[in-house]
């Protein structure tokens, strides 16, 4: 029932937003903030009401209004420990994004796209129908395409928007063909039913590859990562926040919910390939980040490295690795989002993201420098932050499966320290470049609220990680037992 209320609220909110005049900025700001806050409160109630001692799908919702004798498309919704964290993360980041964009041009259109994106993301993380999952999964590209194409900051924004759209949708066409094949064989799109339908080995291999291409391009894994740095650089600040904080998690969610569940033997067979691609992605992205001079590109390649590390945890084949991958995904949502917010705040003031023009920021923006230091340390997994717990457990899970892979993956911690500390040192210390920096303006109250919210939740997840692990544990154990029952 609560899921239905959230979806209905978002639809009604979008409709109400259409009737607010575009020039009534004050009403748009107040309504959007209250409305996004209301959805966040509802999702928090959902989170608190979630029974983490129950591994089954909860808040089950069913609608039957598109089914017919020839086509079985039912709307099944529900959440378990794998999806609940992504669900709440989405509402939390959308609320912060709404607050951040108050001064944007064409505010009404901006807010409509943000709420539409929130609705589709929440549907994607809760749908239990694989065909509708594909529809929502791909529909997310449309609002993101418009966000980058309209509100992007540089001349290449249209190219970046097309690159995002065509690169990711092309990789998903095989998944659509695979879904239609599954329906032709089983007669259903219901994920719960399909999880007990054991396809033969050869079929699993083909279907796994089709799903893999789609999910790997969203994460993105090497070599499907080419679109991400360009999209980040050209996107507005909230576009980068949503890309790093939520959209990259769609691939993680897809691997856990579909690839491992529907094609366990295919996942086991291709795990060496996944390990090889992920390890190359981790090392390559980390080294490439060191060479960048654009602030956004540094964090973009950092995101590629961290998400490829998450993929290693997913395919580690043990409970610790999978739980760590989930926790690290959520942690990356907090940390990467905060770093992109921080870069956006600098760009708003000085209209440049080139590192050459910055230096000595600590002298004029001490509060900004404090937040930058905290999230830089969190990005390199400093103990006490959420990233430390995720990476420590993830490497522990890899050591259980493959010592040499864990050893090479551990290099990412060293390399992330190299590019993160280099970035912070160049940005904050040294002499102030007064010939470029004319405005001495530390963060505002609005910006402080955004950053302190992300800081507190990152600290909480780092000090009390068991609170988040409790939500995921039984669902991960259930998935692990299910997979192993089919393996052996």
Protein backbone atom coordinates (compact mmCIF):
# COMPACT_ATOMS: atom_id res chain seq x y z
CA UNK A 1 0.00 0.00 0.00
CA UNK A 2 2.81 2.41 0.90
CA UNK A 3 4.51 1.81 -2.46
CA UNK A 4 1.26 2.70 -4.20
CA UNK A 5 1.02 5.92 -2.18
CA UNK A 6 4.57 6.91 -3.19
CA UNK A 7 3.96 6.28 -6.89
CA UNK A 8 0.57 8.00 -6.82
CA UNK A 9 2.08 10.99 -4.99
CA UNK A 10 4.75 11.38 -7.64
CA UNK A 11 2.21 11.24 -10.47
CA UNK A 12 -0.06 13.76 -8.74
CA UNK A 13 2.90 15.99 -7.92
CA UNK A 14 3.98 16.03 -11.56
CA UNK A 15 0.47 16.92 -12.66
CA UNK A 16 0.21 19.70 -10.07
CA UNK A 17 3.61 21.07 -11.11
CA UNK A 18 2.32 21.50 -14.68
CA UNK A 19 -0.25 24.08 -13.49
CA UNK A 20 2.25 26.31 -11.65
CA UNK A 21 3.24 29.24 -13.92
CA UNK A 22 6.85 29.15 -15.05
CA UNK A 23 7.50 32.72 -13.91
CA UNK A 24 6.24 32.01 -10.38
CA UNK A 25 9.68 31.00 -9.11
CA UNK A 26 8.80 31.24 -5.43
CA UNK A 27 5.86 28.80 -5.73
CA UNK A 28 7.95 26.40 -7.81
CA UNK A 29 10.70 26.40 -5.19
CA UNK A 30 8.42 25.90 -2.20
CA UNK A 31 6.27 23.23 -3.84
CA UNK A 32 9.21 21.26 -5.21
CA UNK A 33 11.07 21.29 -1.89
CA UNK A 34 8.00 20.29 0.13
CA UNK A 35 6.97 17.67 -2.39
CA UNK A 36 10.41 16.04 -2.70
CA UNK A 37 10.70 16.15 1.09
CA UNK A 38 7.30 14.48 1.41
CA UNK A 39 8.38 11.64 -0.92
CA UNK A 40 11.62 11.29 1.06
CA UNK A 41 9.63 11.02 4.30
CA UNK A 42 7.38 8.36 2.77
CA UNK A 43 10.40 6.35 1.61
CA UNK A 44 11.97 6.73 5.05
CA UNK A 45 8.79 5.34 6.62
CA UNK A 46 9.03 2.50 4.11
CA UNK A 47 12.65 1.93 5.12
CA UNK A 48 11.87 1.93 8.84
CA UNK A 49 8.87 -0.37 8.30
CA UNK A 50 10.98 -2.88 6.40
CA UNK A 51 11.39 -6.14 8.30
CA UNK A 52 15.05 -7.10 7.86
CA UNK A 53 14.36 -10.44 9.56
CA UNK A 54 12.32 -11.43 6.52
CA UNK A 55 14.12 -12.27 3.26
CA UNK A 56 10.95 -12.32 1.13
CA UNK A 57 9.62 -9.55 -1.07
CA UNK A 58 7.84 -6.97 1.08
CA UNK A 59 5.32 -4.19 0.36
CA UNK A 60 4.03 -6.40 -2.44
CA UNK A 61 1.76 -4.51 -4.85
CA UNK A 62 -0.07 -5.93 -7.85
CA UNK A 63 -2.02 -4.29 -10.68
CA UNK A 64 -3.65 -6.25 -13.48
CA UNK A 65 -4.80 -3.85 -16.16
CA UNK A 66 -2.63 -4.63 -19.21
CA UNK A 67 -3.01 -8.39 -19.25
CA UNK A 68 -4.91 -10.21 -21.96
CA UNK A 69 -5.17 -13.71 -23.32
CA UNK A 70 -2.22 -13.12 -25.65
CA UNK A 71 -0.06 -10.85 -23.50
CA UNK A 72 0.68 -11.29 -19.82
CA UNK A 73 1.96 -7.92 -18.59
CA UNK A 74 1.10 -7.51 -14.93
CA UNK A 75 2.45 -4.79 -12.68
CA UNK A 76 4.21 -6.55 -9.79
CA UNK A 77 6.01 -4.30 -7.31
CA UNK A 78 7.93 -5.11 -4.17
CA UNK A 79 11.15 -4.51 -2.27
CA UNK A 80 13.68 -6.72 -0.55
CA UNK A 81 17.05 -6.10 1.07
CA UNK A 82 18.75 -5.73 -2.31
CA UNK A 83 16.46 -2.98 -3.60
CA UNK A 84 15.36 -1.08 -0.46
CA UNK A 85 18.67 0.81 -0.07
CA UNK A 86 18.68 1.95 -3.71
CA UNK A 87 15.04 3.01 -3.36
CA UNK A 88 15.71 5.31 -0.40
CA UNK A 89 19.00 6.56 -1.88
CA UNK A 90 17.06 7.77 -4.92
CA UNK A 91 14.56 9.84 -2.93
CA UNK A 92 17.35 11.28 -0.76
CA UNK A 93 19.51 12.46 -3.67
CA UNK A 94 16.54 13.83 -5.62
CA UNK A 95 15.60 15.93 -2.58
CA UNK A 96 19.14 17.39 -2.44
CA UNK A 97 19.14 17.98 -6.21
CA UNK A 98 15.85 19.88 -6.03
CA UNK A 99 17.36 22.13 -3.37
CA UNK A 100 20.51 22.68 -5.44
CA UNK A 101 18.75 23.77 -8.68
CA UNK A 102 16.69 26.60 -7.21
CA UNK A 103 18.53 29.24 -9.23
CA UNK A 104 18.56 27.42 -12.57
CA UNK A 105 16.97 28.83 -15.71
CA UNK A 106 13.72 27.21 -16.87
CA UNK A 107 13.21 25.94 -13.31
CA UNK A 108 9.80 24.42 -14.00
CA UNK A 109 11.04 22.21 -16.83
CA UNK A 110 14.05 21.24 -14.74
CA UNK A 111 11.86 20.14 -11.82
CA UNK A 112 9.49 18.19 -14.06
CA UNK A 113 12.44 16.20 -15.44
CA UNK A 114 13.80 15.57 -11.93
CA UNK A 115 10.48 14.25 -10.61
CA UNK A 116 9.89 12.21 -13.75
CA UNK A 117 13.35 10.70 -13.31
CA UNK A 118 12.59 9.95 -9.66
CA UNK A 119 9.34 8.20 -10.56
CA UNK A 120 10.95 6.01 -13.22
CA UNK A 121 13.92 5.14 -11.01
CA UNK A 122 11.67 4.07 -8.14
CA UNK A 123 9.61 1.97 -10.53
CA UNK A 124 12.78 0.36 -11.87
CA UNK A 125 14.06 -0.59 -8.41
CA UNK A 126 10.72 -2.08 -7.33
CA UNK A 127 9.23 -3.72 -10.45
CA UNK A 128 9.12 -7.52 -10.52
CA UNK A 129 8.17 -7.86 -14.18
CA UNK A 130 11.21 -8.21 -16.45
CA UNK A 131 9.55 -6.64 -19.51
CA UNK A 132 8.41 -3.56 -17.57
CA UNK A 133 11.82 -3.44 -15.94
CA UNK A 134 13.34 -3.08 -19.39
CA UNK A 135 10.85 -0.32 -20.29
CA UNK A 136 11.59 1.70 -17.14
CA UNK A 137 15.30 0.87 -17.32
CA UNK A 138 15.58 2.43 -20.78
CA UNK A 139 13.07 5.24 -20.26
CA UNK A 140 15.48 6.74 -17.72
CA UNK A 141 17.63 7.76 -20.70
CA UNK A 142 15.07 10.31 -21.92
CA UNK A 143 15.07 12.72 -18.94
CA UNK A 144 18.86 12.32 -18.60
CA UNK A 145 19.27 13.09 -22.30
CA UNK A 146 17.27 16.28 -21.88
CA UNK A 147 19.07 17.31 -18.68
CA UNK A 148 22.45 17.08 -20.41
CA UNK A 149 21.31 18.42 -23.77
CA UNK A 150 19.49 21.50 -22.39
CA UNK A 151 21.31 22.39 -19.17
CA UNK A 152 24.77 21.12 -20.04
CA UNK A 153 27.55 23.61 -19.47
CA UNK A 154 29.68 23.41 -22.64
CA UNK A 155 29.45 23.27 -26.43
CA UNK A 156 29.81 19.48 -26.65
CA UNK A 157 26.73 18.81 -24.51
CA UNK A 158 24.63 17.59 -27.47
CA UNK A 159 27.35 15.14 -28.48
CA UNK A 160 27.58 13.87 -24.90
CA UNK A 161 23.80 13.47 -24.69
CA UNK A 162 23.73 11.47 -27.92
CA UNK A 163 26.67 9.39 -26.75
CA UNK A 164 24.85 8.53 -23.51
CA UNK A 165 21.63 7.72 -25.29
CA UNK A 166 22.82 5.64 -28.22
CA UNK A 167 25.75 3.94 -26.52
CA UNK A 168 23.65 2.59 -23.65
CA UNK A 169 20.48 1.82 -25.60
CA UNK A 170 22.45 -0.05 -28.29
CA UNK A 171 23.91 -2.33 -25.62
CA UNK A 172 20.39 -3.02 -24.32
CA UNK A 173 18.77 -4.19 -27.56
CA UNK A 174 20.00 -7.75 -27.05
CA UNK A 175 18.46 -7.73 -23.57
CA UNK A 176 15.08 -6.91 -25.10
CA UNK A 177 15.46 -9.83 -27.51
CA UNK A 178 16.43 -12.08 -24.60
CA UNK A 179 13.39 -11.01 -22.57
CA UNK A 180 11.05 -11.72 -25.48
CA UNK A 181 12.68 -15.14 -25.93
CA UNK A 182 12.18 -15.89 -22.22
CA UNK A 183 8.51 -14.99 -22.55
CA UNK A 184 8.10 -17.20 -25.63
CA UNK A 185 9.50 -20.16 -23.69
CA UNK A 186 7.92 -19.62 -20.25
CA UNK A 187 4.79 -17.58 -21.04
CA UNK A 188 5.43 -15.08 -18.24
CA UNK A 189 7.44 -11.98 -17.35
CA UNK A 190 7.07 -12.56 -13.60
CA UNK A 191 10.52 -12.50 -12.03
CA UNK A 192 9.55 -14.63 -9.01
CA UNK A 193 8.28 -17.39 -11.27
CA UNK A 194 11.24 -17.14 -13.64
CA UNK A 195 13.74 -17.47 -10.79
CA UNK A 196 12.60 -21.09 -10.40
CA UNK A 197 12.76 -21.79 -14.13
CA UNK A 198 16.16 -23.37 -14.68
CA UNK A 199 17.25 -22.77 -18.29
CA UNK A 200 19.66 -25.26 -19.82
CA UNK A 201 23.36 -24.38 -19.75
CA UNK A 202 23.79 -23.26 -23.38
CA UNK A 203 20.67 -21.09 -23.20
CA UNK A 204 21.91 -19.48 -20.00
CA UNK A 205 25.19 -18.54 -21.64
CA UNK A 206 23.45 -16.74 -24.51
CA UNK A 207 20.91 -14.99 -22.30
CA UNK A 208 23.58 -14.01 -19.77
CA UNK A 209 25.63 -12.27 -22.47
CA UNK A 210 22.55 -10.34 -23.65
CA UNK A 211 21.83 -9.07 -20.12
CA UNK A 212 25.51 -8.49 -19.39
CA UNK A 213 25.96 -6.05 -22.29
CA UNK A 214 23.13 -3.90 -20.98
CA UNK A 215 24.13 -3.87 -17.32
CA UNK A 216 27.87 -3.50 -17.96
CA UNK A 217 27.28 -0.38 -20.08
CA UNK A 218 25.31 1.21 -17.25
CA UNK A 219 27.92 0.63 -14.52
CA UNK A 220 30.01 1.16 -16.78
CA UNK A 221 32.56 -1.64 -17.05
CA UNK A 222 35.65 -1.53 -19.21
CA UNK A 223 35.47 -1.26 -22.26
CA UNK A 224 31.89 0.07 -22.19
CA UNK A 225 32.86 3.15 -20.17
CA UNK A 226 33.59 5.61 -22.99
CA UNK A 227 30.33 7.55 -22.65
CA UNK A 228 30.60 8.26 -18.91
CA UNK A 229 33.47 10.82 -18.71
CA UNK A 230 31.97 12.80 -21.59
CA UNK A 231 28.50 12.72 -20.03
CA UNK A 232 29.84 13.84 -16.65
CA UNK A 233 31.86 16.70 -18.08
CA UNK A 234 29.00 18.08 -20.17
CA UNK A 235 26.17 17.43 -17.68
CA UNK A 236 24.96 20.05 -15.21
CA UNK A 237 25.87 19.44 -11.57
CA UNK A 238 22.71 17.53 -10.66
CA UNK A 239 23.03 15.49 -13.85
CA UNK A 240 26.47 14.33 -12.70
CA UNK A 241 25.13 13.71 -9.19
CA UNK A 242 22.31 11.52 -10.47
CA UNK A 243 24.57 9.72 -12.94
CA UNK A 244 27.14 8.82 -10.28
CA UNK A 245 24.79 8.50 -7.33
CA UNK A 246 21.96 6.45 -8.83
CA UNK A 247 22.14 5.60 -12.54
CA UNK A 248 25.41 3.68 -12.26
CA UNK A 249 23.72 1.56 -9.60
CA UNK A 250 21.21 0.28 -12.13
CA UNK A 251 23.86 -2.04 -13.51
CA UNK A 252 24.69 -3.32 -10.01
CA UNK A 253 21.03 -3.89 -9.30
CA UNK A 254 20.57 -5.62 -12.66
CA UNK A 255 23.43 -8.04 -12.04
CA UNK A 256 22.11 -8.98 -8.61
CA UNK A 257 18.42 -9.11 -9.44
CA UNK A 258 18.56 -10.67 -12.90
CA UNK A 259 21.94 -12.05 -14.01
CA UNK A 260 22.74 -13.98 -10.82
CA UNK A 261 19.14 -14.98 -10.18
CA UNK A 262 18.05 -16.08 -13.65
CA UNK A 263 21.36 -17.33 -15.05
CA UNK A 264 23.48 -18.62 -12.16
CA UNK A 265 25.40 -21.14 -14.25
CA UNK A 266 26.11 -18.50 -16.90
CA UNK A 267 27.32 -16.14 -14.16
CA UNK A 268 29.69 -18.79 -12.85
CA UNK A 269 30.97 -19.65 -16.33
CA UNK A 270 31.69 -16.04 -17.28
CA UNK A 271 33.04 -14.93 -13.90
CA UNK A 272 36.71 -15.16 -15.09
CA UNK A 273 35.85 -12.82 -17.98
CA UNK A 274 34.11 -10.42 -15.58
CA UNK A 275 37.10 -10.52 -13.24
CA UNK A 276 39.50 -9.75 -16.09
CA UNK A 277 37.45 -6.82 -17.45
CA UNK A 278 36.82 -5.40 -13.98
CA UNK A 279 40.46 -5.57 -12.92
CA UNK A 280 41.55 -3.84 -16.13
CA UNK A 281 38.82 -1.25 -15.54
CA UNK A 282 39.93 -0.58 -11.96
CA UNK A 283 43.61 -0.10 -12.83
CA UNK A 284 43.01 1.71 -16.13
CA UNK A 285 40.47 4.18 -14.70
CA UNK A 286 42.62 4.92 -11.66
CA UNK A 287 45.73 5.65 -13.73
CA UNK A 288 43.71 7.72 -16.21
CA UNK A 289 42.25 9.78 -13.35
CA UNK A 290 45.77 10.83 -12.31
CA UNK A 291 46.39 12.29 -15.78
CA UNK A 292 43.21 14.44 -15.93
CA UNK A 293 43.10 18.21 -15.49
CA UNK A 294 39.30 18.61 -15.56
CA UNK A 295 37.84 18.31 -12.05
CA UNK A 296 34.80 16.40 -13.23
CA UNK A 297 36.80 13.95 -15.30
CA UNK A 298 38.91 13.06 -12.28
CA UNK A 299 35.81 12.11 -10.28
CA UNK A 300 34.25 10.44 -13.33
CA UNK A 301 37.21 8.07 -13.77
CA UNK A 302 37.25 7.56 -10.01
CA UNK A 303 33.62 6.41 -10.27
CA UNK A 304 34.52 3.95 -13.03
CA UNK A 305 37.27 2.48 -10.84
CA UNK A 306 35.02 2.15 -7.79
CA UNK A 307 32.12 0.63 -9.71
CA UNK A 308 34.36 -1.93 -11.42
CA UNK A 309 35.55 -2.88 -7.96
CA UNK A 310 31.89 -3.36 -6.98
CA UNK A 311 31.42 -5.75 -9.92
CA UNK A 312 34.29 -7.87 -8.59
CA UNK A 313 32.41 -8.18 -5.31
CA UNK A 314 29.18 -9.17 -7.05
CA UNK A 315 30.86 -12.04 -8.89
CA UNK A 316 33.06 -13.12 -5.97
CA UNK A 317 30.55 -15.88 -5.29
CA UNK A 318 30.37 -15.40 -1.51
CA UNK A 319 28.11 -13.59 0.92
CA UNK A 320 30.75 -11.13 2.13
CA UNK A 321 31.61 -9.99 -1.39
CA UNK A 322 27.98 -9.48 -2.45
CA UNK A 323 27.03 -7.63 0.76
CA UNK A 324 30.15 -5.47 0.44
CA UNK A 325 29.25 -4.66 -3.18
CA UNK A 326 25.82 -3.44 -2.07
CA UNK A 327 27.25 -1.38 0.80
CA UNK A 328 29.99 0.09 -1.40
CA UNK A 329 27.42 0.99 -4.08
CA UNK A 330 25.36 2.97 -1.58
CA UNK A 331 28.48 4.55 -0.08
CA UNK A 332 29.64 5.59 -3.55
CA UNK A 333 26.23 7.19 -4.02
CA UNK A 334 26.92 9.47 -1.03
CA UNK A 335 30.59 10.21 -1.66
CA UNK A 336 30.60 10.68 -5.44
CA UNK A 337 27.45 12.82 -5.23
CA UNK A 338 29.08 15.06 -2.63
CA UNK A 339 32.22 15.45 -4.76
CA UNK A 340 30.18 16.43 -7.81
CA UNK A 341 28.19 18.89 -5.68
CA UNK A 342 31.47 20.41 -4.48
CA UNK A 343 32.81 20.76 -8.02
CA UNK A 344 29.49 22.29 -9.09
CA UNK A 345 29.77 24.87 -6.32
CA UNK A 346 33.20 25.91 -7.59
CA UNK A 347 31.95 26.07 -11.17
CA UNK A 348 29.01 28.28 -10.12
CA UNK A 349 31.45 30.80 -8.65
CA UNK A 350 34.36 30.74 -11.09
CA UNK A 351 32.93 29.16 -14.28
CA UNK A 352 35.81 26.78 -14.83
CA UNK A 353 36.56 23.17 -13.97
CA UNK A 354 40.19 23.19 -15.12
CA UNK A 355 42.54 22.48 -12.25
CA UNK A 356 45.09 24.94 -13.66
CA UNK A 357 43.00 27.91 -12.54
CA UNK A 358 42.68 26.83 -8.92
CA UNK A 359 44.95 26.84 -5.91
CA UNK A 360 44.95 28.08 -2.33
CA UNK A 361 41.18 27.68 -1.98
CA UNK A 362 41.61 26.97 1.74
CA UNK A 363 42.54 30.65 2.30
CA UNK A 364 39.23 32.00 1.05
CA UNK A 365 36.85 29.03 1.43
CA UNK A 366 37.81 27.20 4.65
CA UNK A 367 34.41 25.58 5.14
CA UNK A 368 34.39 24.37 1.55
CA UNK A 369 37.90 22.99 2.01
CA UNK A 370 36.81 21.07 5.11
CA UNK A 371 34.03 19.29 3.23
CA UNK A 372 36.34 18.67 0.28
CA UNK A 373 38.90 17.10 2.62
CA UNK A 374 36.33 14.84 4.27
CA UNK A 375 34.91 13.49 1.02
CA UNK A 376 38.38 13.15 -0.50
CA UNK A 377 39.37 11.01 2.47
CA UNK A 378 36.14 9.07 2.17
CA UNK A 379 36.85 8.49 -1.52
CA UNK A 380 40.10 6.75 -0.56
CA UNK A 381 38.33 4.67 2.10
CA UNK A 382 39.53 6.38 5.30
CA UNK A 383 38.50 4.34 8.38
CA UNK A 384 35.35 5.76 9.92
CA UNK A 385 33.71 6.52 6.59
CA UNK A 386 31.23 4.37 4.69
CA UNK A 387 33.73 3.68 1.89
CA UNK A 388 36.19 2.02 4.26
CA UNK A 389 33.64 -0.55 5.39
CA UNK A 390 32.57 -1.31 1.83
CA UNK A 391 36.08 -1.65 0.38
CA UNK A 392 37.45 -3.59 3.37
CA UNK A 393 34.67 -6.17 3.20
CA UNK A 394 34.83 -6.26 -0.58
CA UNK A 395 38.53 -7.06 -0.60
CA UNK A 396 37.89 -9.64 2.14
CA UNK A 397 35.29 -11.32 -0.05
CA UNK A 398 37.70 -11.31 -3.01
CA UNK A 399 40.45 -12.89 -0.91
CA UNK A 400 38.08 -15.77 -0.17
CA UNK A 401 37.59 -16.36 -3.88
CA UNK A 402 40.87 -15.42 -5.57
CA UNK A 403 43.98 -14.13 -3.79
CA UNK A 404 45.68 -12.65 -6.88
CA UNK A 405 42.53 -10.80 -8.01
CA UNK A 406 42.19 -9.34 -4.52
CA UNK A 407 45.83 -8.29 -4.63
CA UNK A 408 45.43 -6.43 -7.91
CA UNK A 409 42.10 -4.94 -6.76
CA UNK A 410 43.87 -3.67 -3.66
CA UNK A 411 46.07 -1.53 -5.90
CA UNK A 412 42.99 0.61 -6.52
CA UNK A 413 43.16 1.83 -2.91
CA UNK A 414 46.74 3.03 -3.46
CA UNK A 415 45.92 4.62 -6.81
CA UNK A 416 42.77 6.30 -5.48
CA UNK A 417 44.92 7.82 -2.75
CA UNK A 418 47.29 9.13 -5.43
CA UNK A 419 44.74 10.97 -7.57
CA UNK A 420 42.49 12.06 -4.69
CA UNK A 421 45.26 13.57 -2.56
CA UNK A 422 46.89 15.11 -5.63
CA UNK A 423 43.58 16.76 -6.51
CA UNK A 424 42.98 18.09 -3.01
CA UNK A 425 46.55 19.37 -2.67
CA UNK A 426 46.44 21.24 -5.99
CA UNK A 427 43.00 22.64 -5.30
CA UNK A 428 43.29 23.73 -1.67
CA UNK A 429 46.92 24.51 -0.88
CA UNK A 430 49.66 26.66 -2.35
CA UNK A 431 49.34 30.29 -3.34
CA UNK A 432 45.95 31.71 -4.21
CA UNK A 433 45.73 32.36 -7.95
CA UNK A 434 44.24 35.81 -7.57
CA UNK A 435 44.51 36.55 -11.28
CA UNK A 436 41.77 33.95 -11.87
CA UNK A 437 39.90 33.87 -8.56
CA UNK A 438 38.29 37.26 -7.99
CA UNK A 439 35.30 36.27 -5.84
CA UNK A 440 35.85 35.33 -2.18
CA UNK A 441 32.69 33.48 -1.27
CA UNK A 442 32.50 30.41 0.98
CA UNK A 443 29.56 27.98 0.79
CA UNK A 444 26.04 29.25 1.45
CA UNK A 445 23.56 27.89 3.98
CA UNK A 446 21.80 25.89 1.25
CA UNK A 447 25.07 24.34 0.12
CA UNK A 448 26.08 23.66 3.72
CA UNK A 449 22.82 21.76 4.31
CA UNK A 450 23.39 19.60 1.22
CA UNK A 451 26.97 18.76 2.18
CA UNK A 452 26.38 18.21 5.90
CA UNK A 453 23.51 15.82 5.08
CA UNK A 454 25.82 13.69 2.94
CA UNK A 455 28.63 13.94 5.50
CA UNK A 456 26.50 12.79 8.41
CA UNK A 457 25.00 9.82 6.61
CA UNK A 458 28.45 8.79 5.32
CA UNK A 459 29.82 8.95 8.87
CA UNK A 460 26.84 7.03 10.23
CA UNK A 461 27.28 4.28 7.64
CA UNK A 462 30.99 4.14 8.44
CA UNK A 463 30.57 3.93 12.22
CA UNK A 464 27.42 1.78 12.30
CA UNK A 465 27.60 -0.27 9.09
CA UNK A 466 25.70 -3.14 10.70
CA UNK A 467 22.54 -1.02 10.50
CA UNK A 468 22.71 -1.16 6.70
CA UNK A 469 24.05 -4.70 6.51
CA UNK A 470 21.09 -5.92 8.56
CA UNK A 471 18.78 -4.82 5.74
CA UNK A 472 20.71 -6.65 3.05
CA UNK A 473 21.95 -9.74 4.87
CA UNK A 474 19.02 -12.15 4.63
CA UNK A 475 18.26 -11.26 1.03
CA UNK A 476 21.90 -11.82 0.08
CA UNK A 477 21.99 -15.12 2.02
CA UNK A 478 18.80 -16.21 0.26
CA UNK A 479 20.33 -15.34 -3.13
CA UNK A 480 23.55 -17.15 -2.22
CA UNK A 481 21.74 -20.30 -1.10
CA UNK A 482 19.52 -20.24 -4.18
CA UNK A 483 22.49 -19.91 -6.54
CA UNK A 484 24.49 -22.62 -4.82
CA UNK A 485 21.51 -24.99 -4.84
CA UNK A 486 21.56 -24.74 -8.64
CA UNK A 487 25.33 -24.92 -8.95
CA UNK A 488 25.58 -28.17 -7.02
